[in-house]
Amino acid sequence: MDTKKRATLVASAMAGALAVAALAAPGQAQELEGFEQCYGVALAGQNDCANAAGTHSCAGQSTVDGHGGDWIYVPTGTCERLVNGTLEPSEV
C-alpha cells in the first residue's frame, strides 16, 4: 500500500473513531455495535477512554502518540490494518 493510501486509511479511521467517541458517555468504556477497541494508534490526548494499565481513567488523557495501552474505537475489522494497531493492549 502506498503512503498516500495508508495516510487516507488512517485519517478515515481516526475521523470515524472521533465521531463514535462523541456518542459514548465521557469516561465510560462501552461496546458499540460495529466498532472495536484499537490499541496503539491513538494520538496524545485523543484516546477514547481509560488506559489499560490504569494510568489514567478518562478520554483525552493519553500523553504520547501510539501508546499500546491507550485505545480508540475504529470500525470492526480496521484495527489490525492500521500501523501499530492491535486488539490487545501492550506496553502496560
C-alpha atoms as a PDB file:
ATOM      1  CA  MET A   1       0.000   0.000   0.000  1.00  0.00           C
ATOM      2  CA  ASP A   2       1.447   3.367  -0.913  1.00  0.00           C
ATOM      3  CA  THR A   3       1.955   6.147   1.607  1.00  0.00           C
ATOM      4  CA  LYS A   4      -0.932   8.285   0.350  1.00  0.00           C
ATOM      5  CA  LYS A   5      -3.436   5.418   0.586  1.00  0.00           C
ATOM      6  CA  ARG A   6      -2.153   4.487   4.049  1.00  0.00           C
ATOM      7  CA  ALA A   7      -2.485   8.090   5.241  1.00  0.00           C
ATOM      8  CA  THR A   8      -6.029   8.244   3.866  1.00  0.00           C
ATOM      9  CA  LEU A   9      -6.965   4.990   5.612  1.00  0.00           C
ATOM     10  CA  VAL A  10      -5.537   6.171   8.933  1.00  0.00           C
ATOM     11  CA  ALA A  11      -7.228   9.571   8.632  1.00  0.00           C
ATOM     12  CA  SER A  12     -10.570   7.913   7.820  1.00  0.00           C
ATOM     13  CA  ALA A  13     -10.284   5.550  10.766  1.00  0.00           C
ATOM     14  CA  MET A  14      -9.374   8.383  13.112  1.00  0.00           C
ATOM     15  CA  ALA A  15     -12.283  10.534  11.885  1.00  0.00           C
ATOM     16  CA  GLY A  16     -14.678   7.632  12.360  1.00  0.00           C
ATOM     17  CA  ALA A  17     -13.322   6.937  15.803  1.00  0.00           C
ATOM     18  CA  LEU A  18     -13.730  10.549  16.851  1.00  0.00           C
ATOM     19  CA  ALA A  19     -17.309  10.550  15.593  1.00  0.00           C
ATOM     20  CA  VAL A  20     -18.052   7.404  17.601  1.00  0.00           C
ATOM     21  CA  ALA A  21     -16.362   8.885  20.675  1.00  0.00           C
ATOM     22  CA  ALA A  22     -18.855  11.724  20.592  1.00  0.00           C
ATOM     23  CA  LEU A  23     -21.634   9.150  21.029  1.00  0.00           C
ATOM     24  CA  ALA A  24     -20.047   7.423  24.016  1.00  0.00           C
ATOM     25  CA  ALA A  25     -20.599   8.752  27.515  1.00  0.00           C
ATOM     26  CA  PRO A  26     -17.466  10.573  28.739  1.00  0.00           C
ATOM     27  CA  GLY A  27     -15.204   8.405  30.888  1.00  0.00           C
ATOM     28  CA  GLN A  28     -17.101   5.186  30.226  1.00  0.00           C
ATOM     29  CA  ALA A  29     -15.916   2.277  28.129  1.00  0.00           C
ATOM     30  CA  GLN A  30     -18.802   0.626  26.394  1.00  0.00           C
ATOM     31  CA  GLU A  31     -19.204  -1.742  23.499  1.00  0.00           C
ATOM     32  CA  LEU A  32     -20.554  -0.180  20.329  1.00  0.00           C
ATOM     33  CA  GLU A  33     -22.001  -2.391  17.622  1.00  0.00           C
ATOM     34  CA  GLY A  34     -19.832  -2.385  14.530  1.00  0.00           C
ATOM     35  CA  PHE A  35     -16.768  -0.976  16.319  1.00  0.00           C
ATOM     36  CA  GLU A  36     -13.788  -2.410  18.179  1.00  0.00           C
ATOM     37  CA  GLN A  37     -11.244  -1.013  20.622  1.00  0.00           C
ATOM     38  CA  CYS A  38      -7.943  -0.490  18.808  1.00  0.00           C
ATOM     39  CA  TYR A  39      -4.791  -0.137  20.909  1.00  0.00           C
ATOM     40  CA  GLY A  40      -1.578   1.552  19.814  1.00  0.00           C
ATOM     41  CA  VAL A  41      -2.980   4.088  17.341  1.00  0.00           C
ATOM     42  CA  ALA A  42      -4.449   6.880  19.495  1.00  0.00           C
ATOM     43  CA  LEU A  43      -2.746  10.246  19.310  1.00  0.00           C
ATOM     44  CA  ALA A  44      -1.825  12.042  22.532  1.00  0.00           C
ATOM     45  CA  GLY A  45      -4.987  13.470  24.045  1.00  0.00           C
ATOM     46  CA  GLN A  46      -7.228  11.585  21.595  1.00  0.00           C
ATOM     47  CA  ASN A  47      -7.843   8.258  23.361  1.00  0.00           C
ATOM     48  CA  ASP A  48     -11.463   7.199  23.818  1.00  0.00           C
ATOM     49  CA  CYS A  49     -11.334   6.052  27.432  1.00  0.00           C
ATOM     50  CA  ALA A  50      -9.191   4.709  30.270  1.00  0.00           C
ATOM     51  CA  ASN A  51      -5.693   3.314  29.755  1.00  0.00           C
ATOM     52  CA  ALA A  52      -5.387  -0.475  30.023  1.00  0.00           C
ATOM     53  CA  ALA A  53      -2.789  -0.089  32.790  1.00  0.00           C
ATOM     54  CA  GLY A  54      -4.971   2.295  34.782  1.00  0.00           C
ATOM     55  CA  THR A  55      -2.564   5.221  34.473  1.00  0.00           C
ATOM     56  CA  HIS A  56      -5.490   7.466  33.607  1.00  0.00           C
ATOM     57  CA  SER A  57      -9.218   6.961  33.766  1.00  0.00           C
ATOM     58  CA  CYS A  58     -10.797   9.163  31.151  1.00  0.00           C
ATOM     59  CA  ALA A  59     -10.933  10.011  27.472  1.00  0.00           C
ATOM     60  CA  GLY A  60      -8.415  12.512  26.163  1.00  0.00           C
ATOM     61  CA  GLN A  61      -5.812  11.888  28.870  1.00  0.00           C
ATOM     62  CA  SER A  62      -3.188   9.966  26.861  1.00  0.00           C
ATOM     63  CA  THR A  63       0.175  11.712  26.892  1.00  0.00           C
ATOM     64  CA  VAL A  64       2.003  10.086  23.969  1.00  0.00           C
ATOM     65  CA  ASP A  65       1.107   9.092  20.412  1.00  0.00           C
ATOM     66  CA  GLY A  66       0.582   5.390  19.782  1.00  0.00           C
ATOM     67  CA  HIS A  67       0.859   4.117  23.349  1.00  0.00           C
ATOM     68  CA  GLY A  68      -0.050   0.427  23.469  1.00  0.00           C
ATOM     69  CA  GLY A  69      -2.297   0.875  26.497  1.00  0.00           C
ATOM     70  CA  ASP A  70      -4.462   3.640  25.016  1.00  0.00           C
ATOM     71  CA  TRP A  71      -7.253   2.893  22.561  1.00  0.00           C
ATOM     72  CA  ILE A  72      -9.802   4.404  20.217  1.00  0.00           C
ATOM     73  CA  TYR A  73     -12.900   2.929  18.623  1.00  0.00           C
ATOM     74  CA  VAL A  74     -12.494   2.007  14.953  1.00  0.00           C
ATOM     75  CA  PRO A  75     -14.871   0.186  12.604  1.00  0.00           C
ATOM     76  CA  THR A  76     -14.718  -3.582  13.156  1.00  0.00           C
ATOM     77  CA  GLY A  77     -12.000  -5.176  11.035  1.00  0.00           C
ATOM     78  CA  THR A  78      -9.989  -1.959  10.651  1.00  0.00           C
ATOM     79  CA  CYS A  79      -7.663  -2.024  13.658  1.00  0.00           C
ATOM     80  CA  GLU A  80      -5.149  -4.627  12.599  1.00  0.00           C
ATOM     81  CA  ARG A  81      -4.830  -2.958   9.189  1.00  0.00           C
ATOM     82  CA  LEU A  82      -3.532   0.233  10.823  1.00  0.00           C
ATOM     83  CA  VAL A  83       0.163   0.712  11.544  1.00  0.00           C
ATOM     84  CA  ASN A  84       0.759  -0.463  15.163  1.00  0.00           C
ATOM     85  CA  GLY A  85      -2.949  -1.315  15.563  1.00  0.00           C
ATOM     86  CA  THR A  86      -3.748  -4.270  17.808  1.00  0.00           C
ATOM     87  CA  LEU A  87      -6.858  -5.600  19.523  1.00  0.00           C
ATOM     88  CA  GLU A  88      -4.921  -6.355  22.721  1.00  0.00           C
ATOM     89  CA  PRO A  89      -3.140  -3.793  24.921  1.00  0.00           C
ATOM     90  CA  SER A  90       0.654  -3.734  25.052  1.00  0.00           C
ATOM     91  CA  GLU A  91       3.225  -1.549  26.842  1.00  0.00           C
ATOM     92  CA  VAL A  92       1.130  -1.643  30.009  1.00  0.00           C
END
